[in-house]
PDB file of all heavy atoms in Angstrom:
ATOM      1  N   PRO A   1      27.767   5.524  33.058  1.00  0.00           N
ATOM      2  CA  PRO A   1      27.347   6.374  31.922  1.00  0.00           C
ATOM      3  C   PRO A   1      28.283   6.305  30.751  1.00  0.00           C
ATOM      4  O   PRO A   1      27.901   6.718  29.664  1.00  0.00           O
ATOM      5  CB  PRO A   1      27.400   7.769  32.615  1.00  0.00           C
ATOM      6  CG  PRO A   1      28.330   7.674  33.768  1.00  0.00           C
ATOM      7  CD  PRO A   1      28.141   6.304  34.268  1.00  0.00           C
ATOM      8  N   SER A   2      29.528   5.807  30.961  1.00  0.00           N
ATOM      9  CA  SER A   2      30.427   5.722  29.789  1.00  0.00           C
ATOM     10  C   SER A   2      29.915   4.810  28.715  1.00  0.00           C
ATOM     11  O   SER A   2      30.240   4.949  27.543  1.00  0.00           O
ATOM     12  CB  SER A   2      31.814   5.238  30.280  1.00  0.00           C
ATOM     13  OG  SER A   2      31.696   4.003  30.901  1.00  0.00           O
ATOM     14  N   PHE A   3      29.033   3.830  29.105  1.00  0.00           N
ATOM     15  CA  PHE A   3      28.484   2.935  28.067  1.00  0.00           C
ATOM     16  C   PHE A   3      27.542   3.654  27.146  1.00  0.00           C
ATOM     17  O   PHE A   3      27.208   3.116  26.072  1.00  0.00           O
ATOM     18  CB  PHE A   3      27.754   1.732  28.753  1.00  0.00           C
ATOM     19  CG  PHE A   3      28.647   0.679  29.240  1.00  0.00           C
ATOM     20  CD1 PHE A   3      28.896   0.470  30.568  1.00  0.00           C
ATOM     21  CD2 PHE A   3      29.206  -0.205  28.322  1.00  0.00           C
ATOM     22  CE1 PHE A   3      29.739  -0.525  31.010  1.00  0.00           C
ATOM     23  CE2 PHE A   3      30.026  -1.228  28.753  1.00  0.00           C
ATOM     24  CZ  PHE A   3      30.304  -1.393  30.097  1.00  0.00           C
ATOM     25  N   LEU A   4      27.046   4.844  27.519  1.00  0.00           N
ATOM     26  CA  LEU A   4      26.116   5.544  26.654  1.00  0.00           C
ATOM     27  C   LEU A   4      26.756   5.978  25.336  1.00  0.00           C
ATOM     28  O   LEU A   4      26.033   6.301  24.391  1.00  0.00           O
ATOM     29  CB  LEU A   4      25.557   6.769  27.402  1.00  0.00           C
ATOM     30  CG  LEU A   4      24.704   6.460  28.628  1.00  0.00           C
ATOM     31  CD1 LEU A   4      24.232   7.745  29.288  1.00  0.00           C
ATOM     32  CD2 LEU A   4      23.483   5.603  28.244  1.00  0.00           C
ATOM     33  N   PHE A   5      28.061   6.044  25.295  1.00  0.00           N
ATOM     34  CA  PHE A   5      28.762   6.337  24.060  1.00  0.00           C
ATOM     35  C   PHE A   5      28.428   5.272  22.974  1.00  0.00           C
ATOM     36  O   PHE A   5      28.554   5.518  21.771  1.00  0.00           O
ATOM     37  CB  PHE A   5      30.254   6.428  24.284  1.00  0.00           C
ATOM     38  CG  PHE A   5      30.681   7.661  25.012  1.00  0.00           C
ATOM     39  CD1 PHE A   5      31.065   7.582  26.347  1.00  0.00           C
ATOM     40  CD2 PHE A   5      30.655   8.927  24.403  1.00  0.00           C
ATOM     41  CE1 PHE A   5      31.471   8.728  27.045  1.00  0.00           C
ATOM     42  CE2 PHE A   5      31.013  10.067  25.124  1.00  0.00           C
ATOM     43  CZ  PHE A   5      31.441   9.954  26.443  1.00  0.00           C
ATOM     44  N   ALA A   6      28.054   4.103  23.449  1.00  0.00           N
ATOM     45  CA  ALA A   6      27.755   3.024  22.480  1.00  0.00           C
ATOM     46  C   ALA A   6      26.455   3.308  21.734  1.00  0.00           C
ATOM     47  O   ALA A   6      26.106   2.601  20.778  1.00  0.00           O
ATOM     48  CB  ALA A   6      27.625   1.700  23.206  1.00  0.00           C
ATOM     49  N   LEU A   7      25.688   4.334  22.168  1.00  0.00           N
ATOM     50  CA  LEU A   7      24.485   4.679  21.434  1.00  0.00           C
ATOM     51  C   LEU A   7      24.800   5.166  19.995  1.00  0.00           C
ATOM     52  O   LEU A   7      23.871   5.214  19.144  1.00  0.00           O
ATOM     53  CB  LEU A   7      23.700   5.777  22.189  1.00  0.00           C
ATOM     54  CG  LEU A   7      23.004   5.337  23.476  1.00  0.00           C
ATOM     55  CD1 LEU A   7      22.423   6.509  24.206  1.00  0.00           C
ATOM     56  CD2 LEU A   7      21.932   4.269  23.211  1.00  0.00           C
ATOM     57  N   SER A   8      26.041   5.502  19.794  1.00  0.00           N
ATOM     58  CA  SER A   8      26.403   5.875  18.434  1.00  0.00           C
ATOM     59  C   SER A   8      26.268   4.770  17.436  1.00  0.00           C
ATOM     60  O   SER A   8      26.205   5.012  16.229  1.00  0.00           O
ATOM     61  CB  SER A   8      27.884   6.422  18.433  1.00  0.00           C
ATOM     62  OG  SER A   8      28.756   5.395  18.881  1.00  0.00           O
ATOM     63  N   THR A   9      26.188   3.518  17.939  1.00  0.00           N
ATOM     64  CA  THR A   9      26.003   2.390  17.065  1.00  0.00           C
ATOM     65  C   THR A   9      24.594   2.389  16.447  1.00  0.00           C
ATOM     66  O   THR A   9      24.350   1.529  15.529  1.00  0.00           O
ATOM     67  CB  THR A   9      26.259   1.071  17.792  1.00  0.00           C
ATOM     68  OG1 THR A   9      25.355   1.011  18.897  1.00  0.00           O
ATOM     69  CG2 THR A   9      27.717   0.984  18.296  1.00  0.00           C
ATOM     70  N   LEU A  10      23.715   3.232  16.964  1.00  0.00           N
ATOM     71  CA  LEU A  10      22.377   3.281  16.369  1.00  0.00           C
ATOM     72  C   LEU A  10      22.416   3.765  14.878  1.00  0.00           C
ATOM     73  O   LEU A  10      21.471   3.584  14.165  1.00  0.00           O
ATOM     74  CB  LEU A  10      21.484   4.221  17.176  1.00  0.00           C
ATOM     75  CG  LEU A  10      21.191   3.757  18.601  1.00  0.00           C
ATOM     76  CD1 LEU A  10      20.318   4.816  19.313  1.00  0.00           C
ATOM     77  CD2 LEU A  10      20.508   2.400  18.608  1.00  0.00           C
ATOM     78  N   GLY A  11      23.517   4.381  14.515  1.00  0.00           N
ATOM     79  CA  GLY A  11      23.653   4.799  13.139  1.00  0.00           C
ATOM     80  C   GLY A  11      23.838   3.683  12.159  1.00  0.00           C
ATOM     81  O   GLY A  11      23.604   3.831  10.963  1.00  0.00           O
ATOM     82  N   ILE A  12      24.284   2.474  12.690  1.00  0.00           N
ATOM     83  CA  ILE A  12      24.499   1.344  11.809  1.00  0.00           C
ATOM     84  C   ILE A  12      23.225   0.863  11.113  1.00  0.00           C
ATOM     85  O   ILE A  12      23.179   0.712   9.872  1.00  0.00           O
ATOM     86  CB  ILE A  12      25.192   0.205  12.563  1.00  0.00           C
ATOM     87  CG1 ILE A  12      26.597   0.681  13.093  1.00  0.00           C
ATOM     88  CG2 ILE A  12      25.317  -1.048  11.706  1.00  0.00           C
ATOM     89  CD1 ILE A  12      27.287  -0.352  13.928  1.00  0.00           C
ATOM     90  N   PRO A  13      22.132   0.666  11.857  1.00  0.00           N
ATOM     91  CA  PRO A  13      20.852   0.233  11.175  1.00  0.00           C
ATOM     92  C   PRO A  13      20.381   1.301  10.183  1.00  0.00           C
ATOM     93  O   PRO A  13      19.772   0.942   9.150  1.00  0.00           O
ATOM     94  CB  PRO A  13      19.891   0.028  12.326  1.00  0.00           C
ATOM     95  CG  PRO A  13      20.720  -0.210  13.506  1.00  0.00           C
ATOM     96  CD  PRO A  13      21.923   0.622  13.315  1.00  0.00           C
ATOM     97  N   VAL A  14      20.549   2.593  10.572  1.00  0.00           N
ATOM     98  CA  VAL A  14      20.116   3.646   9.648  1.00  0.00           C
ATOM     99  C   VAL A  14      20.897   3.573   8.312  1.00  0.00           C
ATOM    100  O   VAL A  14      20.311   3.698   7.233  1.00  0.00           O
ATOM    101  CB  VAL A  14      20.304   5.030  10.323  1.00  0.00           C
ATOM    102  CG1 VAL A  14      19.904   6.143   9.354  1.00  0.00           C
ATOM    103  CG2 VAL A  14      19.449   5.109  11.572  1.00  0.00           C
ATOM    104  N   ILE A  15      22.214   3.361   8.413  1.00  0.00           N
ATOM    105  CA  ILE A  15      23.000   3.233   7.210  1.00  0.00           C
ATOM    106  C   ILE A  15      22.559   2.032   6.395  1.00  0.00           C
ATOM    107  O   ILE A  15      22.474   2.117   5.148  1.00  0.00           O
ATOM    108  CB  ILE A  15      24.508   3.163   7.592  1.00  0.00           C
ATOM    109  CG1 ILE A  15      24.948   4.444   8.279  1.00  0.00           C
ATOM    110  CG2 ILE A  15      25.372   2.891   6.357  1.00  0.00           C
ATOM    111  CD1 ILE A  15      26.351   4.396   8.798  1.00  0.00           C
ATOM    112  N   ILE A  16      22.293   0.936   7.068  1.00  0.00           N
ATOM    113  CA  ILE A  16      21.839  -0.272   6.321  1.00  0.00           C
ATOM    114  C   ILE A  16      20.506   0.005   5.653  1.00  0.00           C
ATOM    115  O   ILE A  16      20.284  -0.359   4.501  1.00  0.00           O
ATOM    116  CB  ILE A  16      21.720  -1.448   7.314  1.00  0.00           C
ATOM    117  CG1 ILE A  16      23.062  -1.835   7.885  1.00  0.00           C
ATOM    118  CG2 ILE A  16      21.051  -2.640   6.603  1.00  0.00           C
ATOM    119  CD1 ILE A  16      23.032  -2.915   8.915  1.00  0.00           C
ATOM    120  N   HIS A  17      19.676   0.772   6.330  1.00  0.00           N
ATOM    121  CA  HIS A  17      18.341   1.092   5.769  1.00  0.00           C
ATOM    122  C   HIS A  17      18.462   1.966   4.539  1.00  0.00           C
ATOM    123  O   HIS A  17      17.714   1.795   3.569  1.00  0.00           O
ATOM    124  CB  HIS A  17      17.500   1.764   6.833  1.00  0.00           C
ATOM    125  CG  HIS A  17      16.152   2.195   6.333  1.00  0.00           C
ATOM    126  ND1 HIS A  17      15.118   1.325   6.121  1.00  0.00           N
ATOM    127  CD2 HIS A  17      15.693   3.424   5.997  1.00  0.00           C
ATOM    128  CE1 HIS A  17      14.045   2.016   5.653  1.00  0.00           C
ATOM    129  NE2 HIS A  17      14.371   3.296   5.590  1.00  0.00           N
ATOM    130  N   LEU A  18      19.411   2.888   4.567  1.00  0.00           N
ATOM    131  CA  LEU A  18      19.526   3.828   3.461  1.00  0.00           C
ATOM    132  C   LEU A  18      20.219   3.294   2.224  1.00  0.00           C
ATOM    133  O   LEU A  18      19.924   3.637   1.112  1.00  0.00           O
ATOM    134  CB  LEU A  18      20.256   5.086   3.939  1.00  0.00           C
ATOM    135  CG  LEU A  18      19.507   5.962   4.981  1.00  0.00           C
ATOM    136  CD1 LEU A  18      20.392   7.102   5.439  1.00  0.00           C
ATOM    137  CD2 LEU A  18      18.184   6.481   4.450  1.00  0.00           C
ATOM    138  N   PHE A  19      21.190   2.395   2.471  1.00  0.00           N
ATOM    139  CA  PHE A  19      22.002   1.931   1.342  1.00  0.00           C
ATOM    140  C   PHE A  19      21.827   0.463   0.975  1.00  0.00           C
ATOM    141  O   PHE A  19      22.569  -0.079   0.211  1.00  0.00           O
ATOM    142  CB  PHE A  19      23.504   2.203   1.684  1.00  0.00           C
ATOM    143  CG  PHE A  19      23.812   3.640   1.861  1.00  0.00           C
ATOM    144  CD1 PHE A  19      23.885   4.181   3.121  1.00  0.00           C
ATOM    145  CD2 PHE A  19      23.998   4.453   0.749  1.00  0.00           C
ATOM    146  CE1 PHE A  19      24.167   5.536   3.288  1.00  0.00           C
ATOM    147  CE2 PHE A  19      24.310   5.827   0.923  1.00  0.00           C
ATOM    148  CZ  PHE A  19      24.391   6.349   2.186  1.00  0.00           C
ATOM    149  N   ASN A  20      20.839  -0.181   1.587  1.00  0.00           N
ATOM    150  CA  ASN A  20      20.693  -1.597   1.304  1.00  0.00           C
ATOM    151  C   ASN A  20      19.242  -1.886   0.803  1.00  0.00           C
ATOM    152  O   ASN A  20      18.665  -2.883   1.134  1.00  0.00           O
ATOM    153  CB  ASN A  20      21.018  -2.450   2.536  1.00  0.00           C
ATOM    154  CG  ASN A  20      21.242  -3.889   2.198  1.00  0.00           C
ATOM    155  OD1 ASN A  20      21.740  -4.194   1.111  1.00  0.00           O
ATOM    156  ND2 ASN A  20      20.876  -4.783   3.081  1.00  0.00           N
ATOM    157  N   PHE A  21      18.638  -0.922   0.060  1.00  0.00           N
ATOM    158  CA  PHE A  21      17.312  -1.225  -0.544  1.00  0.00           C
ATOM    159  C   PHE A  21      17.424  -2.343  -1.551  1.00  0.00           C
ATOM    160  O   PHE A  21      18.441  -2.471  -2.208  1.00  0.00           O
ATOM    161  CB  PHE A  21      16.762   0.038  -1.216  1.00  0.00           C
ATOM    162  CG  PHE A  21      16.251   1.085  -0.223  1.00  0.00           C
ATOM    163  CD1 PHE A  21      16.721   2.365  -0.278  1.00  0.00           C
ATOM    164  CD2 PHE A  21      15.319   0.723   0.751  1.00  0.00           C
ATOM    165  CE1 PHE A  21      16.288   3.327   0.663  1.00  0.00           C
ATOM    166  CE2 PHE A  21      14.856   1.652   1.614  1.00  0.00           C
ATOM    167  CZ  PHE A  21      15.341   2.958   1.614  1.00  0.00           C
ATOM    168  N   ARG A  22      16.335  -3.070  -1.676  1.00  0.00           N
ATOM    169  CA  ARG A  22      16.343  -4.162  -2.661  1.00  0.00           C
ATOM    170  C   ARG A  22      16.235  -3.521  -4.109  1.00  0.00           C
ATOM    171  O   ARG A  22      15.297  -2.724  -4.346  1.00  0.00           O
ATOM    172  CB  ARG A  22      15.154  -5.073  -2.423  1.00  0.00           C
ATOM    173  CG  ARG A  22      15.001  -6.201  -3.452  1.00  0.00           C
ATOM    174  CD  ARG A  22      13.838  -7.072  -3.149  1.00  0.00           C
ATOM    175  NE  ARG A  22      13.995  -7.756  -1.897  1.00  0.00           N
ATOM    176  CZ  ARG A  22      13.035  -8.555  -1.359  1.00  0.00           C
ATOM    177  NH1 ARG A  22      11.926  -8.751  -2.056  1.00  0.00           N
ATOM    178  NH2 ARG A  22      13.229  -9.106  -0.197  1.00  0.00           N
ATOM    179  N   ARG A  23      17.138  -3.880  -4.890  1.00  0.00           N
ATOM    180  CA  ARG A  23      17.150  -3.368  -6.266  1.00  0.00           C
ATOM    181  C   ARG A  23      16.574  -4.462  -7.200  1.00  0.00           C
ATOM    182  O   ARG A  23      16.994  -5.603  -7.191  1.00  0.00           O
ATOM    183  CB  ARG A  23      18.556  -2.971  -6.738  1.00  0.00           C
ATOM    184  CG  ARG A  23      19.110  -1.770  -5.984  1.00  0.00           C
ATOM    185  CD  ARG A  23      20.534  -1.421  -6.496  1.00  0.00           C
ATOM    186  NE  ARG A  23      21.030  -0.210  -5.912  1.00  0.00           N
ATOM    187  CZ  ARG A  23      21.619  -0.151  -4.721  1.00  0.00           C
ATOM    188  NH1 ARG A  23      21.807  -1.240  -4.049  1.00  0.00           N
ATOM    189  NH2 ARG A  23      22.032   1.000  -4.223  1.00  0.00           N
ATOM    190  N   PHE A  24      15.588  -4.087  -7.966  1.00  0.00           N
ATOM    191  CA  PHE A  24      14.925  -5.034  -8.859  1.00  0.00           C
ATOM    192  C   PHE A  24      15.659  -5.061 -10.213  1.00  0.00           C
ATOM    193  O   PHE A  24      16.006  -4.016 -10.752  1.00  0.00           O
ATOM    194  CB  PHE A  24      13.468  -4.664  -9.085  1.00  0.00           C
ATOM    195  CG  PHE A  24      12.667  -4.722  -7.811  1.00  0.00           C
ATOM    196  CD1 PHE A  24      12.442  -3.564  -7.057  1.00  0.00           C
ATOM    197  CD2 PHE A  24      12.131  -5.909  -7.322  1.00  0.00           C
ATOM    198  CE1 PHE A  24      11.691  -3.593  -5.877  1.00  0.00           C
ATOM    199  CE2 PHE A  24      11.419  -5.952  -6.191  1.00  0.00           C
ATOM    200  CZ  PHE A  24      11.189  -4.833  -5.443  1.00  0.00           C
ATOM    201  N   LYS A  25      15.870  -6.250 -10.675  1.00  0.00           N
ATOM    202  CA  LYS A  25      16.571  -6.416 -11.942  1.00  0.00           C
ATOM    203  C   LYS A  25      15.536  -6.676 -13.037  1.00  0.00           C
ATOM    204  O   LYS A  25      14.669  -7.531 -12.877  1.00  0.00           O
ATOM    205  CB  LYS A  25      17.550  -7.617 -11.832  1.00  0.00           C
ATOM    206  CG  LYS A  25      18.427  -7.758 -13.066  1.00  0.00           C
ATOM    207  CD  LYS A  25      19.416  -8.912 -12.874  1.00  0.00           C
ATOM    208  CE  LYS A  25      20.317  -9.090 -14.090  1.00  0.00           C
ATOM    209  NZ  LYS A  25      21.250 -10.197 -13.880  1.00  0.00           N
ATOM    210  N   LYS A  26      15.662  -5.948 -14.127  1.00  0.00           N
ATOM    211  CA  LYS A  26      14.748  -6.070 -15.236  1.00  0.00           C
ATOM    212  C   LYS A  26      15.135  -7.209 -16.171  1.00  0.00           C
ATOM    213  O   LYS A  26      16.281  -7.268 -16.603  1.00  0.00           O
ATOM    214  CB  LYS A  26      14.724  -4.722 -16.008  1.00  0.00           C
ATOM    215  CG  LYS A  26      13.660  -4.713 -17.110  1.00  0.00           C
ATOM    216  CD  LYS A  26      13.648  -3.343 -17.762  1.00  0.00           C
ATOM    217  CE  LYS A  26      12.594  -3.283 -18.850  1.00  0.00           C
ATOM    218  NZ  LYS A  26      12.554  -1.957 -19.525  1.00  0.00           N
ATOM    219  N   ILE A  27      14.201  -8.147 -16.396  1.00  0.00           N
ATOM    220  CA  ILE A  27      14.443  -9.280 -17.279  1.00  0.00           C
ATOM    221  C   ILE A  27      13.406  -9.312 -18.403  1.00  0.00           C
ATOM    222  O   ILE A  27      12.196  -9.222 -18.124  1.00  0.00           O
ATOM    223  CB  ILE A  27      14.383 -10.613 -16.504  1.00  0.00           C
ATOM    224  CG1 ILE A  27      15.389 -10.585 -15.348  1.00  0.00           C
ATOM    225  CG2 ILE A  27      14.648 -11.816 -17.411  1.00  0.00           C
ATOM    226  CD1 ILE A  27      15.339 -11.788 -14.451  1.00  0.00           C
ATOM    227  N   ASN A  28      13.824  -9.433 -19.621  1.00  0.00           N
ATOM    228  CA  ASN A  28      12.956  -9.443 -20.797  1.00  0.00           C
ATOM    229  C   ASN A  28      12.520 -10.875 -21.135  1.00  0.00           C
ATOM    230  O   ASN A  28      13.362 -11.781 -21.137  1.00  0.00           O
ATOM    231  CB  ASN A  28      13.612  -8.783 -21.992  1.00  0.00           C
ATOM    232  CG  ASN A  28      13.919  -7.334 -21.754  1.00  0.00           C
ATOM    233  OD1 ASN A  28      13.092  -6.627 -21.165  1.00  0.00           O
ATOM    234  ND2 ASN A  28      15.085  -6.872 -22.226  1.00  0.00           N
ATOM    235  N   PHE A  29      11.253 -11.095 -21.326  1.00  0.00           N
ATOM    236  CA  PHE A  29      10.710 -12.377 -21.652  1.00  0.00           C
ATOM    237  C   PHE A  29      10.065 -12.269 -23.070  1.00  0.00           C
ATOM    238  O   PHE A  29       9.387 -11.268 -23.381  1.00  0.00           O
ATOM    239  CB  PHE A  29       9.647 -12.832 -20.647  1.00  0.00           C
ATOM    240  CG  PHE A  29      10.246 -13.274 -19.363  1.00  0.00           C
ATOM    241  CD1 PHE A  29      10.416 -12.361 -18.353  1.00  0.00           C
ATOM    242  CD2 PHE A  29      10.577 -14.599 -19.150  1.00  0.00           C
ATOM    243  CE1 PHE A  29      10.974 -12.753 -17.208  1.00  0.00           C
ATOM    244  CE2 PHE A  29      11.110 -14.971 -17.941  1.00  0.00           C
ATOM    245  CZ  PHE A  29      11.312 -14.068 -16.961  1.00  0.00           C
ATOM    246  N   THR A  30      10.179 -13.323 -23.854  1.00  0.00           N
ATOM    247  CA  THR A  30       9.530 -13.350 -25.202  1.00  0.00           C
ATOM    248  C   THR A  30       8.069 -13.609 -25.071  1.00  0.00           C
ATOM    249  O   THR A  30       7.266 -13.192 -25.917  1.00  0.00           O
ATOM    250  CB  THR A  30      10.194 -14.387 -26.068  1.00  0.00           C
ATOM    251  OG1 THR A  30      10.090 -15.646 -25.411  1.00  0.00           O
ATOM    252  CG2 THR A  30      11.646 -14.072 -26.306  1.00  0.00           C
ATOM    253  N   ASN A  31       7.715 -14.397 -24.025  1.00  0.00           N
ATOM    254  CA  ASN A  31       6.318 -14.730 -23.829  1.00  0.00           C
ATOM    255  C   ASN A  31       6.010 -14.737 -22.352  1.00  0.00           C
ATOM    256  O   ASN A  31       6.671 -15.411 -21.580  1.00  0.00           O
ATOM    257  CB  ASN A  31       5.998 -16.118 -24.438  1.00  0.00           C
ATOM    258  CG  ASN A  31       4.498 -16.376 -24.553  1.00  0.00           C
ATOM    259  OD1 ASN A  31       3.714 -15.792 -23.842  1.00  0.00           O
ATOM    260  ND2 ASN A  31       4.159 -17.252 -25.509  1.00  0.00           N
ATOM    261  N   VAL A  32       5.013 -14.011 -21.920  1.00  0.00           N
ATOM    262  CA  VAL A  32       4.704 -13.869 -20.489  1.00  0.00           C
ATOM    263  C   VAL A  32       3.533 -14.706 -20.093  1.00  0.00           C
ATOM    264  O   VAL A  32       2.977 -14.576 -18.994  1.00  0.00           O
ATOM    265  CB  VAL A  32       4.428 -12.378 -20.171  1.00  0.00           C
ATOM    266  CG1 VAL A  32       5.660 -11.538 -20.374  1.00  0.00           C
ATOM    267  CG2 VAL A  32       3.224 -11.885 -20.971  1.00  0.00           C
ATOM    268  N   ARG A  33       3.125 -15.681 -20.900  1.00  0.00           N
ATOM    269  CA  ARG A  33       1.971 -16.527 -20.572  1.00  0.00           C
ATOM    270  C   ARG A  33       2.241 -17.445 -19.425  1.00  0.00           C
ATOM    271  O   ARG A  33       1.368 -17.809 -18.669  1.00  0.00           O
ATOM    272  CB  ARG A  33       1.560 -17.376 -21.807  1.00  0.00           C
ATOM    273  CG  ARG A  33       0.897 -16.561 -22.946  1.00  0.00           C
ATOM    274  CD  ARG A  33       0.460 -17.492 -24.026  1.00  0.00           C
ATOM    275  NE  ARG A  33       1.514 -18.377 -24.449  1.00  0.00           N
ATOM    276  CZ  ARG A  33       1.332 -19.535 -25.073  1.00  0.00           C
ATOM    277  NH1 ARG A  33       0.121 -19.976 -25.274  1.00  0.00           N
ATOM    278  NH2 ARG A  33       2.347 -20.239 -25.469  1.00  0.00           N
TER     279      ARG A  33
END
């Protein structure tokens, strides 16, 4: 049962999910054709 303490590592994917969203960078174009 001591291995169950490792369940605390489940917080790692949650942290990645919350703070690693894809950020879109805005780029201006003179012509979008």
